Amino acid sequence: MQSRRVSRRVVDSDYNSGISECLYWNEKQVADWVEEQGFPQYKQCFLTNCVTGRMLIATDTSALPSMGITDFEDMKRLTKLIRDLIGIPKLHSKRDVAMGCPKVAYLELKRRTGHKMDNTTYKSFKHQHRHFFSPPNKW
């Protein structure tokens, strides 16, 4: 199941480019995944905060306490599981996003909503912004 606003073409294109389909999960799918990862006690936290796949991109140890998740070990495990699910490395600074991997920059962009973002694919993003990332053949 995916967001109503995102076309199947975008989801398929992103999936074929190595972008996790979880980016397009709704709140229930995210909460179910959290429960399946061994955190049933936090399922309601994710539902209450309406965390979608797009919002998972910004869900890290600094965001979890405001959602009601305060056990530091759980926060570290959840953050790692989320990064692994989405397929992004641990970032050490915002500069890593700006100058690093185009996949991370794309995922940051996809946090936004709207018609343009909903219809932007990873492939088109890489093409449009190819001059920002080097070496281009690495990604």
Protein backbone atom coordinates (compact mmCIF):
# COMPACT_ATOMS: atom_id res chain seq x y z
CA MET A 1 0.00 0.00 0.00
CA GLN A 2 1.29 3.47 -0.84
CA SER A 3 0.36 7.07 -0.39
CA ARG A 4 -2.68 8.03 -2.47
CA ARG A 5 -0.82 10.95 -4.02
CA VAL A 6 2.20 9.08 -5.36
CA SER A 7 1.83 7.31 -8.66
CA ARG A 8 2.80 3.69 -9.10
CA ARG A 9 5.21 4.88 -11.82
CA VAL A 10 7.20 6.88 -9.26
CA VAL A 11 7.23 4.04 -6.71
CA ASP A 12 8.33 1.51 -9.35
CA SER A 13 10.99 3.83 -10.78
CA ASP A 14 12.40 4.51 -7.32
CA TYR A 15 12.32 0.83 -6.39
CA ASN A 16 14.19 -0.04 -9.61
CA SER A 17 16.76 2.63 -8.68
CA GLY A 18 17.38 1.11 -5.25
CA ILE A 19 15.09 3.37 -3.21
CA SER A 20 13.19 1.45 -0.55
CA GLU A 21 9.45 1.24 -1.06
CA CYS A 22 9.08 2.06 2.65
CA LEU A 23 9.46 5.70 1.63
CA TYR A 24 5.84 5.48 0.46
CA TRP A 25 4.38 3.67 3.49
CA ASN A 26 1.44 5.13 5.36
CA GLU A 27 1.25 5.53 9.14
CA LYS A 28 -0.16 2.06 9.75
CA GLN A 29 2.51 0.35 7.69
CA VAL A 30 5.24 2.20 9.58
CA ALA A 31 3.70 1.36 12.96
CA ASP A 32 3.30 -2.30 11.97
CA TRP A 33 6.95 -2.40 10.91
CA VAL A 34 8.03 -0.91 14.26
CA GLU A 35 6.04 -3.62 16.04
CA GLU A 36 7.55 -6.35 13.82
CA GLN A 37 11.04 -5.13 14.71
CA GLY A 38 10.40 -5.99 18.35
CA PHE A 39 9.05 -2.68 19.60
CA PRO A 40 5.31 -3.23 20.11
CA GLN A 41 5.41 -0.74 22.99
CA TYR A 42 6.17 2.04 20.47
CA LYS A 43 3.59 1.21 17.82
CA GLN A 44 1.11 3.70 19.25
CA CYS A 45 3.83 6.40 19.45
CA PHE A 46 4.33 6.15 15.70
CA LEU A 47 0.57 6.12 15.03
CA THR A 48 -0.11 9.07 17.34
CA ASN A 49 2.61 11.09 15.64
CA CYS A 50 1.35 10.11 12.16
CA VAL A 51 4.79 8.91 11.06
CA THR A 52 4.75 7.95 7.38
CA GLY A 53 7.58 6.47 5.35
CA ARG A 54 8.61 9.95 4.29
CA MET A 55 8.78 11.04 7.91
CA LEU A 56 11.01 8.08 8.78
CA ILE A 57 13.79 9.89 6.93
CA ALA A 58 13.91 12.49 9.71
CA THR A 59 13.26 10.07 12.55
CA ASP A 60 16.48 9.81 14.50
CA THR A 61 17.56 9.83 18.13
CA SER A 62 16.83 13.54 18.40
CA ALA A 63 13.25 13.13 17.14
CA LEU A 64 12.24 10.08 19.16
CA PRO A 65 11.93 11.71 22.63
CA SER A 66 9.28 14.13 21.37
CA MET A 67 7.36 11.08 20.16
CA GLY A 68 7.43 9.54 23.64
CA ILE A 69 10.40 7.20 23.12
CA THR A 70 13.02 7.93 25.77
CA ASP A 71 14.90 4.68 26.43
CA PHE A 72 18.31 5.49 24.95
CA GLU A 73 19.17 1.91 23.96
CA ASP A 74 15.82 1.55 22.19
CA MET A 75 16.38 4.91 20.50
CA LYS A 76 19.76 3.77 19.16
CA ARG A 77 18.36 0.44 17.93
CA LEU A 78 15.32 2.05 16.31
CA THR A 79 17.45 4.67 14.59
CA LYS A 80 19.78 2.01 13.20
CA LEU A 81 16.85 -0.11 12.02
CA ILE A 82 15.28 2.91 10.31
CA ARG A 83 18.55 3.83 8.58
CA ASP A 84 18.99 0.22 7.45
CA LEU A 85 15.40 0.06 6.20
CA ILE A 86 15.71 3.26 4.21
CA GLY A 87 19.24 2.46 3.11
CA ILE A 88 21.05 5.55 4.31
CA PRO A 89 24.35 5.71 6.18
CA LYS A 90 24.81 7.34 9.55
CA LEU A 91 25.43 11.01 8.88
CA HIS A 92 27.90 13.00 10.90
CA SER A 93 26.83 16.45 9.72
CA LYS A 94 24.39 18.27 7.46
CA ARG A 95 27.31 18.75 5.06
CA ASP A 96 27.24 15.01 4.45
CA VAL A 97 23.75 15.48 3.02
CA ALA A 98 24.66 18.49 0.93
CA MET A 99 27.86 17.15 -0.59
CA GLY A 100 27.62 13.41 -0.21
CA CYS A 101 25.53 10.65 -1.62
CA PRO A 102 22.75 11.67 -4.02
CA LYS A 103 20.49 9.02 -2.48
CA VAL A 104 20.62 10.77 0.89
CA ALA A 105 19.99 14.16 -0.73
CA TYR A 106 17.02 12.68 -2.63
CA LEU A 107 15.54 11.21 0.52
CA GLU A 108 15.89 14.55 2.29
CA LEU A 109 14.07 16.17 -0.62
CA LYS A 110 11.31 13.53 -0.55
CA ARG A 111 10.48 14.48 3.04
CA ARG A 112 8.59 17.37 1.50
CA THR A 113 5.13 16.91 0.09
CA GLY A 114 3.33 18.33 -2.87
CA HIS A 115 2.67 17.46 -6.49
CA LYS A 116 6.22 18.14 -7.65
CA MET A 117 7.82 16.05 -4.90
CA ASP A 118 5.27 13.27 -5.33
CA ASN A 119 6.18 13.01 -9.02
CA THR A 120 9.95 13.30 -8.69
CA THR A 121 11.83 10.04 -9.17
CA TYR A 122 15.33 9.25 -7.99
CA LYS A 123 16.45 8.81 -11.58
CA SER A 124 15.21 12.26 -12.60
CA PHE A 125 16.66 13.82 -9.43
CA LYS A 126 20.10 12.35 -10.14
CA HIS A 127 19.97 13.59 -13.72
CA GLN A 128 18.85 17.10 -12.77
CA HIS A 129 21.46 17.43 -10.02
CA ARG A 130 24.30 15.38 -11.51
CA HIS A 131 26.72 18.32 -11.35
CA PHE A 132 26.43 18.47 -7.53
CA PHE A 133 27.66 14.94 -6.90
CA SER A 134 31.03 13.49 -7.76
CA PRO A 135 32.10 11.08 -8.87
CA PRO A 136 28.88 10.69 -10.86
CA ASN A 137 29.51 7.08 -11.87
CA LYS A 138 29.91 5.98 -8.23
CA TRP A 139 26.21 6.45 -7.51
